[in-house]
């Protein structure tokens, strides 16, 4: 049987194929360039924010976080009493213990800054759930944030850049920023009325941003949380103000007498409460749930402790918790990732960068 003639294949257009491949590569490169801000230098990006943090710090500090550079690692557990399950199906709220790795810090990009360089203390936590999920959170000792958009935050950083003549921020620029942004007033008012705590152990720490909690029946509510200490608050003393590193020493001394405890308090919003503005507190009469106790048992140096390689991204959440419409959350996540990438690269290139000081200094 005669086979039908085979049609001749169309000639391959090698230049066309190369052009198509080149276009695909350019599209990918363009996407990366846009994300990095190379094509739109005026657009606010995570690299620009982290670059500005480095400028505010005064000089590079390789291997350290670009914000909250000074800190120490903590370890312990969260003892859930089951009450949190009323608003979230997250396993962390089931009765029982969840291992916790965390970090205490003071804001700023200088790992050697005095503890009194800022009135704010910070607590970051990673809850390791039994099914492999994690809940990561970063909290401050003020219940409100100074700004409510990433753009405002960047402008605040720019206003805080050191004056080359003095090495310190220009008070006139900071004053002008606050005057132009009245949303900062709740934070300023709170700080003026609440002296810094004398210890990391007697401060409350607030999640600031709102999150969406979903319970086992599928009902969703907006929630904020706080870690409230069992140790009574006391303001910083004059003697402590004269010490550069009193916070870490005080915490170590307290832990020699036993673990330290905070209660996880969940505040449930009502209809109309703002969820996208971290400068505004919710009314004091909102439902509050004591979901359990955070127990801190020990500290280690941030140079070689369990928290060293953790990025405390607040958008890493277990099932039953998800981000709200607060624009700061996505910005925090992107900036934290950029900081993490830079410092871990520096550590990889220079393995001795975090040699632990023989004095045991946590700074």
Protein backbone atom coordinates (compact mmCIF):
# COMPACT_ATOMS: atom_id res chain seq x y z
CA UNK A 1 0.00 0.00 0.00
CA UNK A 2 1.32 3.38 -0.93
CA UNK A 3 1.95 5.65 2.02
CA UNK A 4 0.50 9.14 1.78
CA UNK A 5 3.09 11.80 1.24
CA UNK A 6 4.48 13.37 4.42
CA UNK A 7 4.03 17.13 4.41
CA UNK A 8 7.20 19.11 4.75
CA UNK A 9 7.58 20.68 8.20
CA UNK A 10 7.68 24.41 8.26
CA UNK A 11 11.20 25.74 8.55
CA UNK A 12 12.27 26.51 12.10
CA UNK A 13 12.64 30.21 12.72
CA UNK A 14 15.65 30.21 15.04
CA UNK A 15 15.68 34.01 15.47
CA UNK A 16 11.97 33.89 16.37
CA UNK A 17 12.57 31.28 19.06
CA UNK A 18 15.49 33.22 20.47
CA UNK A 19 13.37 36.36 20.49
CA UNK A 20 10.59 34.57 22.38
CA UNK A 21 13.04 33.22 24.95
CA UNK A 22 14.58 36.65 25.30
CA UNK A 23 11.17 38.23 25.81
CA UNK A 24 10.34 35.73 28.56
CA UNK A 25 13.64 36.39 30.32
CA UNK A 26 13.13 40.14 30.05
CA UNK A 27 9.61 39.80 31.47
CA UNK A 28 10.91 37.85 34.47
CA UNK A 29 13.78 40.29 34.97
CA UNK A 30 11.37 43.18 34.68
CA UNK A 31 9.15 41.66 37.34
CA UNK A 32 12.06 41.29 39.72
CA UNK A 33 13.25 44.79 38.92
CA UNK A 34 9.82 46.24 39.56
CA UNK A 35 9.49 44.36 42.84
CA UNK A 36 12.89 45.65 43.94
CA UNK A 37 11.97 49.18 42.92
CA UNK A 38 14.67 49.54 40.25
CA UNK A 39 12.23 50.70 37.57
CA UNK A 40 10.21 52.91 39.91
CA UNK A 41 12.73 54.53 42.26
CA UNK A 42 10.05 56.76 43.80
CA UNK A 43 7.93 53.75 44.83
CA UNK A 44 8.15 52.69 48.46
CA UNK A 45 9.69 49.22 48.73
CA UNK A 46 11.03 46.99 51.48
CA UNK A 47 14.67 47.60 50.40
CA UNK A 48 14.12 51.37 50.67
CA UNK A 49 12.70 50.99 54.16
CA UNK A 50 15.59 48.78 55.28
CA UNK A 51 18.16 51.09 53.65
CA UNK A 52 16.67 53.94 55.68
CA UNK A 53 16.81 51.89 58.89
CA UNK A 54 20.52 51.41 58.22
CA UNK A 55 20.99 55.15 57.73
CA UNK A 56 19.15 55.94 60.97
CA UNK A 57 21.37 53.45 62.81
CA UNK A 58 24.33 55.67 61.92
CA UNK A 59 26.59 52.98 60.47
CA UNK A 60 26.33 49.42 59.14
CA UNK A 61 25.96 46.63 61.70
CA UNK A 62 26.52 43.47 59.63
CA UNK A 63 24.79 40.33 60.82
CA UNK A 64 22.20 42.12 62.95
CA UNK A 65 18.52 42.84 62.43
CA UNK A 66 17.97 46.23 60.82
CA UNK A 67 15.45 47.07 63.55
CA UNK A 68 15.39 45.71 67.10
CA UNK A 69 19.07 44.93 66.65
CA UNK A 70 19.76 44.77 70.38
CA UNK A 71 18.11 41.85 72.11
CA UNK A 72 18.32 38.42 73.67
CA UNK A 73 16.67 35.06 73.08
CA UNK A 74 14.09 33.55 75.42
CA UNK A 75 12.59 30.07 75.69
CA UNK A 76 9.60 28.60 77.47
CA UNK A 77 6.05 27.53 76.70
CA UNK A 78 2.46 28.70 76.43
CA UNK A 79 0.00 26.97 78.75
CA UNK A 80 -3.43 27.30 77.11
CA UNK A 81 -6.50 27.09 79.32
CA UNK A 82 -8.80 26.47 76.34
CA UNK A 83 -10.71 29.78 76.59
CA UNK A 84 -9.26 31.11 73.35
CA UNK A 85 -11.08 28.39 71.40
CA UNK A 86 -14.22 30.52 71.79
CA UNK A 87 -12.88 32.81 69.06
CA UNK A 88 -10.32 30.72 67.13
CA UNK A 89 -9.92 27.12 66.07
CA UNK A 90 -6.11 27.48 66.07
CA UNK A 91 -4.52 24.54 67.88
CA UNK A 92 -2.54 26.93 70.07
CA UNK A 93 -5.79 27.65 71.95
CA UNK A 94 -6.60 24.00 72.68
CA UNK A 95 -5.87 23.10 76.33
CA UNK A 96 -2.24 22.16 76.86
CA UNK A 97 1.33 23.38 76.40
CA UNK A 98 2.94 24.77 73.25
CA UNK A 99 6.75 25.27 73.08
CA UNK A 100 7.76 28.90 72.56
CA UNK A 101 10.95 30.49 71.27
CA UNK A 102 11.16 34.26 71.51
CA UNK A 103 13.15 37.40 71.80
CA UNK A 104 13.20 40.57 73.88
CA UNK A 105 14.57 43.68 72.21
CA UNK A 106 14.62 47.45 72.09
CA UNK A 107 13.77 49.27 68.83
CA UNK A 108 16.54 50.63 66.66
CA UNK A 109 19.26 49.35 64.37
CA UNK A 110 22.25 49.70 66.72
CA UNK A 111 23.01 46.48 68.67
CA UNK A 112 25.11 48.47 71.15
CA UNK A 113 22.58 51.22 71.86
CA UNK A 114 21.82 52.03 75.51
CA UNK A 115 18.65 50.44 76.86
CA UNK A 116 17.35 53.95 77.54
CA UNK A 117 17.67 55.01 73.87
CA UNK A 118 13.95 54.35 73.44
CA UNK A 119 10.95 54.21 75.80
CA UNK A 120 9.62 51.10 74.04
CA UNK A 121 10.48 47.45 74.72
CA UNK A 122 9.54 44.60 72.39
CA UNK A 123 8.65 40.92 72.68
CA UNK A 124 8.62 38.55 69.70
CA UNK A 125 7.37 34.96 69.94
CA UNK A 126 7.23 31.80 67.84
CA UNK A 127 4.66 29.21 68.99
CA UNK A 128 5.54 25.75 67.61
CA UNK A 129 2.25 23.92 67.21
CA UNK A 130 2.08 20.09 67.30
CA UNK A 131 0.95 19.73 63.68
CA UNK A 132 3.95 21.68 62.33
CA UNK A 133 2.16 25.02 62.09
CA UNK A 134 3.66 28.13 63.65
CA UNK A 135 2.30 31.34 65.08
CA UNK A 136 4.78 34.20 65.01
CA UNK A 137 4.11 37.59 66.53
CA UNK A 138 6.02 40.79 67.26
CA UNK A 139 4.70 43.04 70.05
CA UNK A 140 5.59 46.41 71.56
CA UNK A 141 5.14 47.81 75.06
CA UNK A 142 2.87 50.58 73.73
CA UNK A 143 -0.74 49.63 72.87
CA UNK A 144 -0.81 51.84 69.76
CA UNK A 145 1.61 52.45 66.93
CA UNK A 146 2.87 55.89 65.93
CA UNK A 147 1.66 55.69 62.31
CA UNK A 148 -0.96 53.79 60.36
CA UNK A 149 0.47 53.44 56.83
CA UNK A 150 3.80 52.22 55.45
CA UNK A 151 4.29 55.61 53.78
CA UNK A 152 3.97 57.41 57.11
CA UNK A 153 6.39 54.97 58.69
CA UNK A 154 8.95 55.66 55.97
CA UNK A 155 8.50 59.42 56.39
CA UNK A 156 9.04 59.02 60.13
CA UNK A 157 12.30 57.15 59.47
CA UNK A 158 13.46 59.88 57.08
CA UNK A 159 12.71 62.52 59.71
CA UNK A 160 14.77 60.55 62.22
CA UNK A 161 17.92 60.39 60.07
CA UNK A 162 20.96 61.64 62.01
CA UNK A 163 22.17 65.16 61.31
CA UNK A 164 25.79 64.82 60.05
CA UNK A 165 26.81 67.72 62.30
CA UNK A 166 25.50 66.18 65.54
CA UNK A 167 25.07 62.48 64.81
CA UNK A 168 21.52 62.76 66.21
CA UNK A 169 18.09 63.33 64.66
CA UNK A 170 17.18 66.95 63.94
CA UNK A 171 14.44 67.86 66.46
CA UNK A 172 12.95 70.36 64.02
CA UNK A 173 12.43 67.67 61.36
CA UNK A 174 10.82 65.30 63.85
CA UNK A 175 8.58 68.08 65.15
CA UNK A 176 7.54 68.93 61.59
CA UNK A 177 6.72 65.27 60.88
CA UNK A 178 4.53 64.94 63.97
CA UNK A 179 2.79 68.24 63.24
CA UNK A 180 2.01 67.10 59.69
CA UNK A 181 0.70 63.74 60.90
CA UNK A 182 -1.86 64.18 63.69
CA UNK A 183 -2.45 60.41 63.67
CA UNK A 184 0.73 60.15 65.77
CA UNK A 185 -0.87 61.96 68.73
CA UNK A 186 -2.33 58.88 70.50
CA UNK A 187 1.12 57.29 70.57
CA UNK A 188 2.82 60.47 71.77
CA UNK A 189 0.18 60.97 74.46
CA UNK A 190 0.53 57.39 75.69
CA UNK A 191 4.34 57.56 75.86
CA UNK A 192 4.26 60.83 77.83
CA UNK A 193 1.84 59.36 80.37
CA UNK A 194 3.60 55.97 80.76
CA UNK A 195 7.25 55.98 81.85
CA UNK A 196 9.26 53.02 80.51
CA UNK A 197 9.19 49.92 82.69
CA UNK A 198 12.11 49.13 84.97
CA UNK A 199 12.33 45.60 83.55
CA UNK A 200 11.47 43.51 80.55
CA UNK A 201 9.59 41.29 82.99
CA UNK A 202 7.10 43.88 84.27
CA UNK A 203 6.02 45.35 80.91
CA UNK A 204 2.89 44.46 78.95
CA UNK A 205 3.37 43.77 75.25
CA UNK A 206 0.71 44.52 72.63
CA UNK A 207 0.13 42.98 69.21
CA UNK A 208 -1.04 46.43 67.97
CA UNK A 209 -2.41 45.18 64.63
CA UNK A 210 -5.84 43.57 64.35
CA UNK A 211 -6.23 40.01 63.06
CA UNK A 212 -9.19 37.90 61.93
CA UNK A 213 -9.96 34.96 64.24
CA UNK A 214 -12.23 32.14 63.01
CA UNK A 215 -13.74 29.62 65.42
CA UNK A 216 -14.71 25.97 64.84
CA UNK A 217 -18.18 26.95 63.59
CA UNK A 218 -16.78 29.35 60.97
CA UNK A 219 -17.63 32.60 62.75
CA UNK A 220 -14.98 35.29 62.25
CA UNK A 221 -14.19 38.21 64.55
CA UNK A 222 -11.52 40.90 64.65
CA UNK A 223 -9.12 40.42 67.57
CA UNK A 224 -6.11 42.13 69.08
CA UNK A 225 -3.97 40.60 71.80
CA UNK A 226 -1.60 41.53 74.59
CA UNK A 227 0.80 39.75 76.93
CA UNK A 228 0.08 41.10 80.42
CA UNK A 229 2.72 40.35 83.08
CA UNK A 230 2.12 38.83 86.48
CA UNK A 231 5.11 40.87 87.70
CA UNK A 232 3.83 44.29 88.88
CA UNK A 233 4.80 47.26 86.73
CA UNK A 234 7.42 49.67 88.07
CA UNK A 235 8.93 52.66 86.21
CA UNK A 236 12.59 52.82 85.28
CA UNK A 237 14.76 54.19 88.10
CA UNK A 238 17.43 56.86 87.95
CA UNK A 239 20.08 54.23 88.70
CA UNK A 240 18.90 52.10 85.76
CA UNK A 241 18.91 55.12 83.47
CA UNK A 242 22.64 55.38 84.11
CA UNK A 243 23.23 51.76 83.05
CA UNK A 244 23.69 50.86 79.40
CA UNK A 245 22.65 47.20 79.57
CA UNK A 246 20.45 46.87 82.66
CA UNK A 247 17.51 45.12 80.96
CA UNK A 248 19.30 41.85 80.13
CA UNK A 249 21.06 41.72 83.51
CA UNK A 250 17.79 42.34 85.34
CA UNK A 251 15.99 39.59 83.40
CA UNK A 252 18.73 37.05 84.10
CA UNK A 253 18.63 37.87 87.79
CA UNK A 254 14.85 37.49 87.96
CA UNK A 255 14.95 34.14 86.17
CA UNK A 256 17.36 32.79 88.77
CA UNK A 257 14.38 32.91 91.15
CA UNK A 258 12.08 31.02 88.79
CA UNK A 259 10.11 31.40 85.53
CA UNK A 260 8.36 34.61 84.56
CA UNK A 261 4.72 34.70 83.44
CA UNK A 262 2.42 36.75 81.23
CA UNK A 263 -1.27 36.21 80.46
CA UNK A 264 -2.36 36.20 76.82
CA UNK A 265 -5.36 38.55 76.71
CA UNK A 266 -7.50 38.50 73.55
CA UNK A 267 -9.61 41.62 72.93
CA UNK A 268 -12.61 41.06 70.65
CA UNK A 269 -13.81 43.91 68.45
CA UNK A 270 -17.38 45.00 67.93
CA UNK A 271 -18.91 46.14 64.66
CA UNK A 272 -17.40 49.44 63.58
CA UNK A 273 -14.15 49.10 65.51
CA UNK A 274 -11.23 50.03 63.20
CA UNK A 275 -9.16 47.05 62.05
CA UNK A 276 -6.93 48.84 59.55
CA UNK A 277 -5.50 51.59 61.77
CA UNK A 278 -2.91 50.67 64.42
CA UNK A 279 -2.89 54.22 65.84
CA UNK A 280 -6.36 53.77 67.32
CA UNK A 281 -7.27 51.74 70.40
CA UNK A 282 -10.60 50.00 70.76
CA UNK A 283 -12.93 51.08 73.59
CA UNK A 284 -12.03 49.71 77.01
CA UNK A 285 -15.35 47.88 77.40
CA UNK A 286 -14.63 45.32 74.65
CA UNK A 287 -14.75 41.62 75.54
CA UNK A 288 -11.46 40.29 76.84
CA UNK A 289 -10.49 36.62 77.06
CA UNK A 290 -7.62 35.30 79.18
CA UNK A 291 -6.45 32.50 76.86
CA UNK A 292 -3.61 31.16 78.97
CA UNK A 293 -0.18 31.82 80.40
CA UNK A 294 3.14 32.45 78.68
CA UNK A 295 5.95 31.03 80.82
CA UNK A 296 9.54 32.17 80.13
CA UNK A 297 12.11 29.83 81.68
CA UNK A 298 15.51 30.92 80.36
CA UNK A 299 17.45 33.36 78.20
CA UNK A 300 20.34 32.87 75.80
CA UNK A 301 22.51 35.22 73.79
CA UNK A 302 21.07 36.36 70.48
CA UNK A 303 24.44 35.56 68.90
CA UNK A 304 23.96 31.79 69.27
CA UNK A 305 20.53 31.32 70.85
CA UNK A 306 17.46 29.64 69.36
CA UNK A 307 15.98 32.97 68.17
CA UNK A 308 18.99 34.04 66.13
CA UNK A 309 17.78 32.60 62.82
CA UNK A 310 14.08 33.32 63.28
CA UNK A 311 12.28 35.91 61.20
CA UNK A 312 9.38 36.97 63.45
CA UNK A 313 7.09 37.71 60.50
CA UNK A 314 3.66 38.56 61.97
CA UNK A 315 1.86 37.12 58.95
CA UNK A 316 3.03 33.55 59.66
CA UNK A 317 -0.15 32.31 61.28
CA UNK A 318 -1.89 29.02 62.08
CA UNK A 319 -5.27 28.02 60.66
CA UNK A 320 -7.88 29.99 62.57
CA UNK A 321 -5.95 33.29 62.48
CA UNK A 322 -5.36 35.47 59.43
CA UNK A 323 -4.29 39.06 58.76
CA UNK A 324 -6.78 41.92 58.84
CA UNK A 325 -6.92 44.84 56.41
CA UNK A 326 -4.19 46.69 58.33
CA UNK A 327 -1.67 47.83 55.65
CA UNK A 328 1.20 47.69 58.12
CA UNK A 329 1.07 43.89 58.24
CA UNK A 330 2.15 43.32 54.63
CA UNK A 331 4.78 46.05 54.97
CA UNK A 332 6.16 44.48 58.14
CA UNK A 333 6.33 41.09 56.47
CA UNK A 334 8.23 42.45 53.45
CA UNK A 335 10.63 44.53 55.54
CA UNK A 336 11.34 41.66 57.95
CA UNK A 337 12.13 39.39 55.00
CA UNK A 338 14.54 41.95 53.55
CA UNK A 339 16.28 42.38 56.91
CA UNK A 340 16.50 38.60 57.33
CA UNK A 341 18.01 38.11 53.86
CA UNK A 342 20.67 40.75 54.43
CA UNK A 343 21.80 39.65 57.87
CA UNK A 344 21.85 35.92 57.08
CA UNK A 345 23.88 36.59 53.94
CA UNK A 346 26.34 38.60 56.00
CA UNK A 347 26.55 35.78 58.54
CA UNK A 348 27.15 33.22 55.77
CA UNK A 349 29.96 35.30 54.26
CA UNK A 350 31.54 36.01 57.65
CA UNK A 351 30.93 33.04 60.01
CA UNK A 352 32.80 34.67 62.90
CA UNK A 353 30.60 37.76 62.88
CA UNK A 354 28.64 36.61 65.94
CA UNK A 355 31.34 35.24 68.17
CA UNK A 356 29.85 35.32 71.67
CA UNK A 357 31.65 37.82 73.94
CA UNK A 358 33.41 36.14 76.83
CA UNK A 359 31.74 38.60 79.23
CA UNK A 360 28.30 37.21 78.44
CA UNK A 361 27.09 40.66 77.37
CA UNK A 362 23.77 40.32 75.52
CA UNK A 363 24.14 43.57 73.57
